[in-house]
N, C-alpha and C. Protein backbone atom coordinates (compact mmCIF):
# COMPACT_ATOMS: atom_id res chain seq x y z
N MET A 1 -9.45 -1.25 0.62
CA MET A 1 -8.55 -1.61 1.71
C MET A 1 -7.12 -1.21 1.35
N THR A 2 -6.40 -0.59 2.28
CA THR A 2 -5.03 -0.19 2.01
C THR A 2 -4.11 -1.40 1.95
N ARG A 3 -2.94 -1.19 1.34
CA ARG A 3 -1.97 -2.27 1.25
C ARG A 3 -1.55 -2.74 2.65
N SER A 4 -1.34 -1.80 3.57
CA SER A 4 -0.94 -2.16 4.93
C SER A 4 -2.01 -3.01 5.60
N ALA A 5 -3.28 -2.63 5.42
CA ALA A 5 -4.36 -3.41 6.01
C ALA A 5 -4.42 -4.81 5.42
N THR A 6 -4.17 -4.90 4.11
CA THR A 6 -4.16 -6.21 3.47
C THR A 6 -3.04 -7.08 4.00
N LEU A 7 -1.83 -6.50 4.12
CA LEU A 7 -0.70 -7.24 4.69
C LEU A 7 -1.00 -7.70 6.11
N ALA A 8 -1.56 -6.79 6.90
CA ALA A 8 -1.89 -7.14 8.29
C ALA A 8 -2.86 -8.31 8.32
N GLY A 9 -3.86 -8.30 7.45
CA GLY A 9 -4.84 -9.38 7.43
C GLY A 9 -4.22 -10.71 7.04
N VAL A 10 -3.33 -10.68 6.04
CA VAL A 10 -2.67 -11.91 5.61
C VAL A 10 -1.86 -12.51 6.75
N PHE A 11 -1.08 -11.68 7.44
CA PHE A 11 -0.22 -12.21 8.50
C PHE A 11 -1.00 -12.52 9.78
N ASP A 12 -2.10 -11.83 10.02
CA ASP A 12 -2.99 -12.25 11.11
C ASP A 12 -3.48 -13.67 10.87
N ASP A 13 -3.87 -13.95 9.63
CA ASP A 13 -4.37 -15.29 9.29
C ASP A 13 -3.29 -16.36 9.45
N LEU A 14 -2.03 -15.98 9.19
CA LEU A 14 -0.93 -16.95 9.23
C LEU A 14 -0.37 -17.18 10.63
N ALA A 15 -0.66 -16.29 11.55
CA ALA A 15 0.08 -16.24 12.82
C ALA A 15 0.08 -17.56 13.57
N ASP A 16 -1.06 -18.22 13.68
CA ASP A 16 -1.13 -19.43 14.50
C ASP A 16 -0.41 -20.61 13.86
N GLY A 17 -0.32 -20.63 12.53
CA GLY A 17 0.34 -21.73 11.86
C GLY A 17 1.67 -21.34 11.23
N TYR A 18 2.25 -20.27 11.72
CA TYR A 18 3.49 -19.75 11.15
C TYR A 18 4.62 -20.76 11.29
N ASP A 19 5.53 -20.76 10.32
CA ASP A 19 6.68 -21.68 10.34
C ASP A 19 7.76 -21.09 11.26
N HIS A 20 7.54 -21.22 12.56
CA HIS A 20 8.46 -20.59 13.51
C HIS A 20 9.87 -21.16 13.42
N GLY A 21 9.98 -22.46 13.21
CA GLY A 21 11.31 -23.06 13.13
C GLY A 21 12.15 -22.47 12.02
N HIS A 22 11.55 -22.27 10.85
CA HIS A 22 12.26 -21.68 9.72
C HIS A 22 12.73 -20.27 10.05
N HIS A 23 11.84 -19.48 10.63
CA HIS A 23 12.19 -18.08 10.90
C HIS A 23 13.15 -17.94 12.08
N GLU A 24 13.10 -18.87 13.01
CA GLU A 24 14.09 -18.85 14.09
C GLU A 24 15.48 -19.18 13.56
N GLU A 25 15.55 -20.09 12.58
CA GLU A 25 16.85 -20.40 11.96
C GLU A 25 17.39 -19.19 11.21
N ILE A 26 16.52 -18.49 10.49
CA ILE A 26 16.95 -17.26 9.81
C ILE A 26 17.43 -16.24 10.83
N ALA A 27 16.69 -16.10 11.93
CA ALA A 27 17.09 -15.15 12.98
C ALA A 27 18.47 -15.48 13.53
N ARG A 28 18.72 -16.76 13.82
CA ARG A 28 20.03 -17.15 14.34
C ARG A 28 21.13 -16.80 13.35
N ALA A 29 20.88 -17.11 12.09
CA ALA A 29 21.90 -16.84 11.07
C ALA A 29 22.13 -15.35 10.88
N LEU A 30 21.05 -14.56 10.89
CA LEU A 30 21.17 -13.12 10.69
C LEU A 30 21.91 -12.47 11.85
N ILE A 31 21.58 -12.87 13.07
CA ILE A 31 22.25 -12.30 14.24
C ILE A 31 23.74 -12.68 14.23
N ALA A 32 24.04 -13.91 13.90
CA ALA A 32 25.43 -14.34 13.84
C ALA A 32 26.21 -13.55 12.79
N TRP A 33 25.55 -13.21 11.69
CA TRP A 33 26.20 -12.50 10.59
C TRP A 33 26.38 -11.02 10.88
N VAL A 34 25.39 -10.42 11.57
CA VAL A 34 25.37 -8.97 11.72
C VAL A 34 25.57 -8.49 13.15
N ALA A 35 25.00 -9.20 14.11
CA ALA A 35 24.75 -8.57 15.40
C ALA A 35 25.18 -9.38 16.61
N ALA A 36 26.14 -10.27 16.45
CA ALA A 36 26.60 -11.01 17.63
C ALA A 36 27.12 -10.04 18.68
N GLY A 37 26.60 -10.16 19.90
CA GLY A 37 27.02 -9.27 20.97
C GLY A 37 26.49 -7.86 20.85
N ALA A 38 25.38 -7.69 20.12
CA ALA A 38 24.84 -6.35 19.88
C ALA A 38 24.46 -5.66 21.19
N VAL A 39 24.82 -4.39 21.28
CA VAL A 39 24.45 -3.57 22.42
C VAL A 39 23.79 -2.31 21.88
N GLY A 40 23.27 -1.47 22.79
CA GLY A 40 22.69 -0.22 22.36
C GLY A 40 21.23 -0.37 21.97
N ALA A 41 20.75 0.58 21.17
CA ALA A 41 19.34 0.64 20.77
C ALA A 41 19.14 -0.16 19.49
N VAL A 42 18.26 -1.16 19.55
CA VAL A 42 18.06 -2.10 18.45
C VAL A 42 16.58 -2.17 18.09
N ALA A 43 16.29 -2.25 16.78
CA ALA A 43 14.92 -2.45 16.32
C ALA A 43 14.85 -3.69 15.45
N ASP A 44 13.79 -4.48 15.66
CA ASP A 44 13.45 -5.62 14.82
C ASP A 44 12.27 -5.18 13.97
N VAL A 45 12.52 -4.91 12.68
CA VAL A 45 11.55 -4.29 11.79
C VAL A 45 10.68 -5.35 11.14
N ALA A 46 9.34 -5.11 11.16
CA ALA A 46 8.40 -6.10 10.63
C ALA A 46 8.71 -7.45 11.27
N CYS A 47 8.63 -7.48 12.58
CA CYS A 47 9.21 -8.56 13.39
C CYS A 47 8.45 -9.87 13.33
N GLY A 48 7.22 -9.87 12.80
CA GLY A 48 6.44 -11.10 12.83
C GLY A 48 6.23 -11.56 14.26
N ALA A 49 6.52 -12.82 14.53
CA ALA A 49 6.39 -13.35 15.89
C ALA A 49 7.65 -13.14 16.72
N GLY A 50 8.53 -12.26 16.26
CA GLY A 50 9.65 -11.81 17.09
C GLY A 50 10.83 -12.75 17.19
N ALA A 51 11.08 -13.56 16.17
CA ALA A 51 12.20 -14.50 16.24
C ALA A 51 13.52 -13.78 16.49
N VAL A 52 13.74 -12.67 15.79
CA VAL A 52 14.98 -11.90 15.99
C VAL A 52 14.98 -11.24 17.35
N ALA A 53 13.88 -10.57 17.69
CA ALA A 53 13.82 -9.83 18.95
C ALA A 53 14.03 -10.73 20.16
N VAL A 54 13.40 -11.90 20.16
CA VAL A 54 13.51 -12.81 21.30
C VAL A 54 14.94 -13.32 21.43
N GLN A 55 15.53 -13.73 20.31
CA GLN A 55 16.90 -14.25 20.41
C GLN A 55 17.87 -13.17 20.87
N LEU A 56 17.73 -11.96 20.34
CA LEU A 56 18.59 -10.87 20.78
C LEU A 56 18.41 -10.60 22.27
N ALA A 57 17.16 -10.55 22.70
CA ALA A 57 16.87 -10.26 24.11
C ALA A 57 17.45 -11.33 25.03
N ARG A 58 17.47 -12.57 24.58
CA ARG A 58 18.03 -13.65 25.39
C ARG A 58 19.54 -13.52 25.53
N GLU A 59 20.19 -12.92 24.52
CA GLU A 59 21.64 -12.83 24.52
C GLU A 59 22.15 -11.58 25.24
N ARG A 60 21.30 -10.58 25.40
CA ARG A 60 21.75 -9.29 25.93
C ARG A 60 21.71 -9.27 27.45
N GLU A 61 22.47 -8.36 28.02
CA GLU A 61 22.44 -8.15 29.47
C GLU A 61 21.04 -7.73 29.90
N ARG A 62 20.65 -8.14 31.09
CA ARG A 62 19.32 -7.78 31.57
C ARG A 62 19.15 -6.28 31.76
N THR A 63 20.25 -5.57 31.87
CA THR A 63 20.18 -4.12 32.03
C THR A 63 20.11 -3.39 30.68
N ALA A 64 20.21 -4.11 29.57
CA ALA A 64 20.15 -3.48 28.25
C ALA A 64 18.76 -2.92 28.00
N ARG A 65 18.70 -1.87 27.19
CA ARG A 65 17.40 -1.30 26.86
C ARG A 65 16.58 -2.30 26.05
N PRO A 66 15.27 -2.19 26.10
CA PRO A 66 14.43 -3.17 25.39
C PRO A 66 14.69 -3.16 23.88
N VAL A 67 14.58 -4.32 23.27
CA VAL A 67 14.60 -4.43 21.82
C VAL A 67 13.24 -3.98 21.30
N LEU A 68 13.22 -3.03 20.38
CA LEU A 68 11.96 -2.58 19.78
C LEU A 68 11.55 -3.57 18.70
N ALA A 69 10.35 -4.12 18.83
CA ALA A 69 9.83 -5.10 17.88
C ALA A 69 8.51 -4.59 17.32
N VAL A 70 8.50 -4.27 16.03
CA VAL A 70 7.34 -3.61 15.40
C VAL A 70 6.79 -4.47 14.28
N ASP A 71 5.46 -4.65 14.27
CA ASP A 71 4.81 -5.36 13.17
C ASP A 71 3.38 -4.87 13.05
N LEU A 72 2.87 -4.83 11.82
CA LEU A 72 1.51 -4.34 11.63
C LEU A 72 0.45 -5.38 11.94
N SER A 73 0.85 -6.64 12.13
CA SER A 73 -0.09 -7.71 12.46
C SER A 73 -0.22 -7.84 13.98
N SER A 74 -1.39 -7.48 14.48
CA SER A 74 -1.60 -7.59 15.94
C SER A 74 -1.56 -9.04 16.39
N ARG A 75 -1.98 -9.96 15.52
CA ARG A 75 -1.97 -11.37 15.89
C ARG A 75 -0.54 -11.89 15.98
N MET A 76 0.33 -11.47 15.04
CA MET A 76 1.73 -11.87 15.11
C MET A 76 2.37 -11.36 16.40
N ILE A 77 2.09 -10.13 16.76
CA ILE A 77 2.64 -9.57 18.00
C ILE A 77 2.14 -10.37 19.21
N ALA A 78 0.86 -10.74 19.20
CA ALA A 78 0.32 -11.53 20.31
C ALA A 78 1.01 -12.88 20.42
N VAL A 79 1.24 -13.53 19.27
CA VAL A 79 1.94 -14.81 19.27
C VAL A 79 3.37 -14.62 19.75
N GLY A 80 4.02 -13.55 19.31
CA GLY A 80 5.39 -13.27 19.76
C GLY A 80 5.47 -13.09 21.27
N ARG A 81 4.56 -12.31 21.81
CA ARG A 81 4.53 -12.11 23.28
C ARG A 81 4.39 -13.44 24.00
N ALA A 82 3.49 -14.28 23.51
CA ALA A 82 3.25 -15.57 24.17
C ALA A 82 4.49 -16.45 24.08
N ARG A 83 5.16 -16.45 22.93
CA ARG A 83 6.35 -17.28 22.75
C ARG A 83 7.52 -16.77 23.59
N ALA A 84 7.56 -15.45 23.83
CA ALA A 84 8.65 -14.87 24.61
C ALA A 84 8.47 -15.07 26.11
N ALA A 85 7.23 -15.30 26.53
CA ALA A 85 6.95 -15.43 27.96
C ALA A 85 7.77 -16.57 28.56
N GLY A 86 8.48 -16.28 29.62
CA GLY A 86 9.31 -17.27 30.29
C GLY A 86 10.70 -17.39 29.70
N LEU A 87 10.90 -16.86 28.48
CA LEU A 87 12.23 -16.91 27.87
C LEU A 87 13.03 -15.66 28.17
N VAL A 88 12.34 -14.53 28.20
CA VAL A 88 12.99 -13.25 28.48
C VAL A 88 12.10 -12.47 29.43
N PRO A 89 12.65 -11.53 30.19
CA PRO A 89 11.81 -10.69 31.04
C PRO A 89 10.79 -9.90 30.21
N ASP A 90 9.66 -9.59 30.81
CA ASP A 90 8.62 -8.86 30.09
C ASP A 90 9.12 -7.54 29.55
N THR A 91 10.08 -6.94 30.25
CA THR A 91 10.58 -5.62 29.85
C THR A 91 11.71 -5.68 28.82
N ALA A 92 12.10 -6.89 28.39
CA ALA A 92 13.24 -7.02 27.47
C ALA A 92 12.90 -6.66 26.04
N ILE A 93 11.60 -6.72 25.69
CA ILE A 93 11.16 -6.41 24.33
C ILE A 93 10.02 -5.40 24.41
N ASP A 94 10.12 -4.37 23.61
CA ASP A 94 9.08 -3.35 23.49
C ASP A 94 8.25 -3.68 22.26
N TRP A 95 7.16 -4.41 22.46
CA TRP A 95 6.32 -4.85 21.36
C TRP A 95 5.42 -3.72 20.90
N ARG A 96 5.37 -3.47 19.60
CA ARG A 96 4.52 -2.41 19.05
C ARG A 96 3.73 -2.95 17.86
N VAL A 97 2.43 -2.69 17.84
CA VAL A 97 1.61 -2.99 16.68
C VAL A 97 1.51 -1.73 15.83
N GLY A 98 1.92 -1.83 14.58
CA GLY A 98 1.85 -0.69 13.69
C GLY A 98 2.74 -0.88 12.49
N ASP A 99 2.60 0.01 11.52
CA ASP A 99 3.43 -0.04 10.33
C ASP A 99 4.87 0.20 10.73
N ALA A 100 5.77 -0.65 10.24
CA ALA A 100 7.19 -0.54 10.60
C ALA A 100 7.91 0.54 9.81
N VAL A 101 7.24 1.17 8.88
CA VAL A 101 7.82 2.27 8.12
C VAL A 101 6.83 3.44 8.14
N PRO A 102 7.18 4.55 8.80
CA PRO A 102 8.45 4.79 9.47
C PRO A 102 8.48 4.14 10.86
N LEU A 103 9.69 3.83 11.32
CA LEU A 103 9.86 3.32 12.68
C LEU A 103 9.48 4.41 13.68
N PRO A 104 8.87 4.02 14.79
CA PRO A 104 8.46 5.01 15.80
C PRO A 104 9.62 5.42 16.71
N VAL A 105 10.66 5.98 16.09
CA VAL A 105 11.85 6.41 16.83
C VAL A 105 12.33 7.74 16.27
N ALA A 106 13.13 8.43 17.07
CA ALA A 106 13.69 9.70 16.64
C ALA A 106 14.81 9.49 15.62
N ASP A 107 15.09 10.51 14.85
CA ASP A 107 16.19 10.46 13.89
C ASP A 107 17.51 10.18 14.62
N GLY A 108 18.32 9.28 14.03
CA GLY A 108 19.64 9.01 14.57
C GLY A 108 19.67 8.40 15.95
N SER A 109 18.62 7.66 16.31
CA SER A 109 18.51 7.15 17.68
C SER A 109 18.84 5.67 17.83
N LEU A 110 19.01 4.96 16.73
CA LEU A 110 19.26 3.52 16.79
C LEU A 110 20.70 3.17 16.45
N ASP A 111 21.18 2.12 17.09
CA ASP A 111 22.51 1.59 16.79
C ASP A 111 22.46 0.44 15.79
N LEU A 112 21.32 -0.24 15.74
CA LEU A 112 21.21 -1.43 14.89
C LEU A 112 19.76 -1.61 14.46
N VAL A 113 19.57 -1.89 13.17
CA VAL A 113 18.26 -2.24 12.63
C VAL A 113 18.39 -3.62 11.99
N LEU A 114 17.48 -4.52 12.36
CA LEU A 114 17.43 -5.85 11.76
C LEU A 114 16.06 -6.07 11.14
N CYS A 115 16.05 -6.73 10.00
CA CYS A 115 14.79 -7.00 9.29
C CYS A 115 14.91 -8.37 8.64
N ALA A 116 14.22 -9.34 9.19
CA ALA A 116 14.31 -10.72 8.68
C ALA A 116 13.09 -11.04 7.82
N SER A 117 13.35 -11.39 6.58
CA SER A 117 12.32 -11.95 5.69
C SER A 117 11.15 -11.00 5.43
N SER A 118 11.41 -9.69 5.42
CA SER A 118 10.31 -8.75 5.26
C SER A 118 10.58 -7.62 4.28
N LEU A 119 11.83 -7.34 3.94
CA LEU A 119 12.13 -6.19 3.09
C LEU A 119 11.41 -6.28 1.75
N HIS A 120 11.21 -7.48 1.22
CA HIS A 120 10.56 -7.62 -0.07
C HIS A 120 9.07 -7.30 -0.02
N PHE A 121 8.52 -7.13 1.18
CA PHE A 121 7.16 -6.61 1.33
C PHE A 121 7.15 -5.11 1.61
N LEU A 122 8.19 -4.62 2.27
CA LEU A 122 8.24 -3.21 2.69
C LEU A 122 8.65 -2.27 1.56
N GLY A 123 9.54 -2.71 0.69
CA GLY A 123 10.02 -1.86 -0.38
C GLY A 123 11.15 -0.94 0.05
N ARG A 124 11.63 -0.12 -0.89
CA ARG A 124 12.81 0.71 -0.65
C ARG A 124 12.54 1.86 0.33
N ARG A 125 11.30 2.13 0.62
CA ARG A 125 11.02 3.14 1.65
C ARG A 125 11.61 2.70 2.99
N ALA A 126 11.74 1.38 3.20
CA ALA A 126 12.27 0.88 4.46
C ALA A 126 13.74 1.23 4.65
N PRO A 127 14.64 0.91 3.71
CA PRO A 127 16.04 1.32 3.90
C PRO A 127 16.22 2.82 4.04
N ALA A 128 15.40 3.60 3.36
CA ALA A 128 15.47 5.05 3.52
C ALA A 128 15.15 5.45 4.96
N ASP A 129 14.17 4.79 5.55
CA ASP A 129 13.81 5.09 6.93
C ASP A 129 14.86 4.57 7.89
N TRP A 130 15.50 3.45 7.57
CA TRP A 130 16.57 2.95 8.44
C TRP A 130 17.72 3.94 8.50
N ARG A 131 18.04 4.55 7.36
CA ARG A 131 19.11 5.57 7.36
C ARG A 131 18.72 6.74 8.26
N ARG A 132 17.45 7.12 8.22
CA ARG A 132 16.99 8.20 9.10
C ARG A 132 17.12 7.83 10.57
N ALA A 133 16.72 6.60 10.89
CA ALA A 133 16.64 6.18 12.29
C ALA A 133 18.00 5.82 12.89
N LEU A 134 18.95 5.41 12.06
CA LEU A 134 20.26 5.00 12.57
C LEU A 134 21.18 6.18 12.82
N ARG A 135 21.99 6.05 13.84
CA ARG A 135 23.06 7.02 14.06
C ARG A 135 24.13 6.81 13.00
N PRO A 136 24.96 7.83 12.73
CA PRO A 136 26.10 7.61 11.83
C PRO A 136 26.96 6.45 12.33
N GLY A 137 27.28 5.53 11.44
CA GLY A 137 28.04 4.36 11.83
C GLY A 137 27.19 3.21 12.33
N GLY A 138 25.87 3.44 12.45
CA GLY A 138 24.97 2.37 12.88
C GLY A 138 24.87 1.28 11.82
N ARG A 139 24.46 0.11 12.25
CA ARG A 139 24.46 -1.06 11.38
C ARG A 139 23.05 -1.48 11.00
N VAL A 140 22.93 -2.06 9.82
CA VAL A 140 21.69 -2.66 9.37
C VAL A 140 21.97 -4.08 8.92
N GLY A 141 21.03 -4.96 9.18
CA GLY A 141 21.14 -6.34 8.71
C GLY A 141 19.77 -6.83 8.28
N PHE A 142 19.71 -7.51 7.16
CA PHE A 142 18.42 -8.02 6.69
C PHE A 142 18.63 -9.33 5.94
N SER A 143 17.56 -10.05 5.79
CA SER A 143 17.58 -11.27 4.96
C SER A 143 16.51 -11.13 3.88
N LEU A 144 16.81 -11.72 2.74
CA LEU A 144 15.86 -11.82 1.63
C LEU A 144 15.92 -13.24 1.08
N PRO A 145 14.79 -13.76 0.61
CA PRO A 145 14.87 -15.07 -0.05
C PRO A 145 15.64 -14.94 -1.36
N LEU A 146 16.37 -15.97 -1.68
CA LEU A 146 17.09 -16.00 -2.95
C LEU A 146 16.07 -16.21 -4.08
N ALA A 147 16.16 -15.38 -5.10
CA ALA A 147 15.16 -15.41 -6.17
C ALA A 147 15.03 -16.79 -6.80
N THR A 148 16.14 -17.49 -6.94
CA THR A 148 16.13 -18.80 -7.61
C THR A 148 15.43 -19.88 -6.80
N HIS A 149 15.16 -19.61 -5.50
CA HIS A 149 14.55 -20.63 -4.64
C HIS A 149 13.26 -20.14 -3.99
N PHE A 150 12.71 -19.03 -4.48
CA PHE A 150 11.52 -18.43 -3.86
C PHE A 150 10.30 -18.80 -4.68
N ARG A 151 9.34 -19.47 -4.05
CA ARG A 151 8.13 -19.89 -4.72
C ARG A 151 6.92 -19.42 -3.90
N PRO A 152 6.62 -18.12 -3.96
CA PRO A 152 5.52 -17.60 -3.15
C PRO A 152 4.15 -18.02 -3.70
N SER A 153 3.18 -18.09 -2.81
CA SER A 153 1.81 -18.33 -3.24
C SER A 153 1.29 -17.11 -4.00
N GLU A 154 0.21 -17.29 -4.72
CA GLU A 154 -0.38 -16.16 -5.46
C GLU A 154 -0.77 -15.04 -4.51
N ARG A 155 -1.25 -15.41 -3.32
CA ARG A 155 -1.64 -14.40 -2.33
C ARG A 155 -0.44 -13.54 -1.93
N PHE A 156 0.72 -14.18 -1.71
CA PHE A 156 1.93 -13.44 -1.35
C PHE A 156 2.49 -12.66 -2.53
N SER A 157 2.42 -13.24 -3.70
CA SER A 157 2.99 -12.59 -4.88
C SER A 157 2.38 -11.21 -5.10
N ARG A 158 1.10 -11.08 -4.83
CA ARG A 158 0.42 -9.80 -5.03
C ARG A 158 0.88 -8.73 -4.05
N LEU A 159 1.53 -9.14 -2.97
CA LEU A 159 1.93 -8.20 -1.92
C LEU A 159 3.40 -7.80 -1.99
N LEU A 160 4.16 -8.40 -2.90
CA LEU A 160 5.58 -8.10 -2.99
C LEU A 160 5.80 -6.67 -3.50
N ALA A 161 6.77 -5.99 -2.91
CA ALA A 161 7.12 -4.64 -3.35
C ALA A 161 7.81 -4.72 -4.71
N ASP A 162 7.41 -3.84 -5.63
CA ASP A 162 7.98 -3.93 -6.98
C ASP A 162 9.31 -3.21 -7.11
N ASP A 163 9.76 -2.54 -6.04
CA ASP A 163 11.04 -1.83 -6.12
C ASP A 163 12.17 -2.53 -5.36
N VAL A 164 11.92 -3.76 -4.92
CA VAL A 164 12.97 -4.58 -4.30
C VAL A 164 13.02 -5.92 -5.02
N PRO A 165 13.76 -5.97 -6.12
CA PRO A 165 13.89 -7.25 -6.82
C PRO A 165 14.67 -8.23 -5.95
N LEU A 166 14.18 -9.45 -5.86
CA LEU A 166 14.87 -10.43 -5.04
C LEU A 166 16.23 -10.76 -5.66
N PRO A 167 17.26 -10.83 -4.84
CA PRO A 167 18.60 -11.09 -5.37
C PRO A 167 18.76 -12.53 -5.83
N ARG A 168 19.54 -12.69 -6.88
CA ARG A 168 19.90 -14.03 -7.35
C ARG A 168 21.24 -14.47 -6.79
N THR A 169 22.01 -13.49 -6.29
CA THR A 169 23.33 -13.77 -5.74
C THR A 169 23.56 -12.87 -4.52
N ALA A 170 24.59 -13.20 -3.75
CA ALA A 170 24.96 -12.34 -2.63
C ALA A 170 25.39 -10.96 -3.12
N GLU A 171 26.06 -10.92 -4.25
CA GLU A 171 26.52 -9.64 -4.79
C GLU A 171 25.36 -8.72 -5.13
N GLU A 172 24.26 -9.27 -5.62
CA GLU A 172 23.09 -8.45 -5.93
C GLU A 172 22.46 -7.88 -4.66
N ALA A 173 22.48 -8.64 -3.58
CA ALA A 173 21.94 -8.12 -2.31
C ALA A 173 22.80 -6.96 -1.81
N SER A 174 24.11 -7.10 -1.91
CA SER A 174 24.99 -6.01 -1.50
C SER A 174 24.79 -4.78 -2.36
N ALA A 175 24.60 -4.99 -3.65
CA ALA A 175 24.37 -3.86 -4.56
C ALA A 175 23.07 -3.14 -4.22
N LEU A 176 22.06 -3.88 -3.80
CA LEU A 176 20.78 -3.28 -3.43
C LEU A 176 20.95 -2.31 -2.26
N VAL A 177 21.59 -2.77 -1.19
CA VAL A 177 21.71 -1.91 0.00
C VAL A 177 22.69 -0.76 -0.25
N THR A 178 23.68 -0.99 -1.09
CA THR A 178 24.60 0.09 -1.46
C THR A 178 23.85 1.18 -2.23
N ALA A 179 22.96 0.77 -3.14
CA ALA A 179 22.17 1.73 -3.91
C ALA A 179 21.22 2.52 -3.02
N CYS A 180 20.92 1.98 -1.84
CA CYS A 180 20.06 2.68 -0.89
C CYS A 180 20.84 3.60 0.04
N GLY A 181 22.15 3.75 -0.20
CA GLY A 181 22.93 4.74 0.52
C GLY A 181 23.75 4.21 1.67
N PHE A 182 23.88 2.89 1.80
CA PHE A 182 24.68 2.31 2.87
C PHE A 182 26.08 1.95 2.34
N THR A 183 27.01 1.78 3.26
CA THR A 183 28.38 1.46 2.88
C THR A 183 28.81 0.14 3.52
N GLY A 184 29.94 -0.39 3.04
CA GLY A 184 30.52 -1.59 3.63
C GLY A 184 29.63 -2.81 3.56
N ALA A 185 28.85 -2.93 2.51
CA ALA A 185 27.90 -4.04 2.41
C ALA A 185 28.61 -5.38 2.26
N GLU A 186 28.14 -6.36 3.02
CA GLU A 186 28.62 -7.74 2.92
C GLU A 186 27.42 -8.66 2.93
N SER A 187 27.43 -9.64 2.05
CA SER A 187 26.30 -10.57 1.94
C SER A 187 26.80 -11.99 1.75
N ARG A 188 25.99 -12.94 2.17
CA ARG A 188 26.28 -14.34 1.88
C ARG A 188 24.97 -15.11 1.78
N VAL A 189 25.01 -16.20 1.06
CA VAL A 189 23.84 -17.07 0.91
C VAL A 189 23.85 -18.10 2.03
N HIS A 190 22.70 -18.25 2.69
CA HIS A 190 22.55 -19.22 3.77
C HIS A 190 21.57 -20.30 3.32
N VAL A 191 21.96 -21.55 3.48
CA VAL A 191 21.16 -22.69 3.02
C VAL A 191 20.30 -23.21 4.17
N LEU A 192 18.99 -23.33 3.88
CA LEU A 192 18.03 -23.85 4.86
C LEU A 192 17.26 -25.00 4.20
N GLY A 193 17.83 -26.19 4.22
CA GLY A 193 17.19 -27.31 3.54
C GLY A 193 17.12 -27.04 2.05
N THR A 194 15.89 -27.00 1.52
CA THR A 194 15.71 -26.71 0.10
C THR A 194 15.58 -25.21 -0.17
N ARG A 195 15.62 -24.41 0.88
CA ARG A 195 15.46 -22.97 0.73
C ARG A 195 16.82 -22.28 0.81
N ARG A 196 16.87 -21.07 0.25
CA ARG A 196 18.08 -20.26 0.29
C ARG A 196 17.68 -18.83 0.65
N VAL A 197 18.42 -18.22 1.56
CA VAL A 197 18.22 -16.81 1.87
C VAL A 197 19.56 -16.09 1.78
N VAL A 198 19.50 -14.81 1.49
CA VAL A 198 20.70 -13.99 1.46
C VAL A 198 20.72 -13.12 2.71
N LEU A 199 21.82 -13.16 3.44
CA LEU A 199 22.02 -12.35 4.64
C LEU A 199 22.92 -11.18 4.27
N THR A 200 22.51 -9.97 4.63
CA THR A 200 23.25 -8.77 4.25
C THR A 200 23.45 -7.87 5.46
N SER A 201 24.66 -7.31 5.57
CA SER A 201 24.94 -6.30 6.59
C SER A 201 25.55 -5.08 5.90
N ALA A 202 25.34 -3.91 6.49
CA ALA A 202 25.90 -2.68 5.93
C ALA A 202 25.91 -1.62 7.02
N THR A 203 26.52 -0.49 6.71
CA THR A 203 26.70 0.59 7.69
C THR A 203 26.10 1.89 7.17
N ARG A 204 25.45 2.61 8.07
CA ARG A 204 24.94 3.93 7.73
C ARG A 204 26.12 4.90 7.70
N PRO A 205 26.34 5.60 6.59
CA PRO A 205 27.51 6.50 6.50
C PRO A 205 27.36 7.70 7.41
N ASP A 206 28.44 8.45 7.56
CA ASP A 206 28.43 9.61 8.45
C ASP A 206 27.54 10.73 7.96
N HIS A 207 27.37 10.86 6.64
CA HIS A 207 26.53 11.92 6.12
C HIS A 207 25.08 11.44 6.09
N PRO A 208 24.10 12.34 6.08
CA PRO A 208 22.68 11.94 6.11
C PRO A 208 22.29 11.10 4.90
């Protein structure tokens, strides 16, 4: 079984009992940090049940283009669609089942890429693809669990990408995205009860 198929199976199993409240709080914090008032073409990478996509869609003008929401778990996408029903128009989110790397978009076609609580599964191939997909000057925002407060199950531990070490500080998160070729990195630690996540924003430079 491929790694993608294994990840899809794990998140399919989790979909019905997912901690939506926790991920909605992360989505609110990430959007406030990176994307308040976001316009243009936006992707929610490895979207899970679409906490980021739904909140963005609720805040945007009804005439805005759909938020692209991609996840390899068909069950997560189904739960996201159901949770979005009645909150946003059906056309406000473009739900896609599939691997989020590479994103199903043309080079330089996005204004904003958001990735909540997933980069540590995707690995550094994800930021490389975000640079491809973003226009020059486009923005990226992501969250990662703080290493000092992350206690994954054995099942999750086996799926973590080995090329994205979890940051212990905000400065380490900024250094990570800077090493991936982005500029203007800013990060901060966000407290969620007993949990801690790092929120990071950065800009795709003018050169490829």
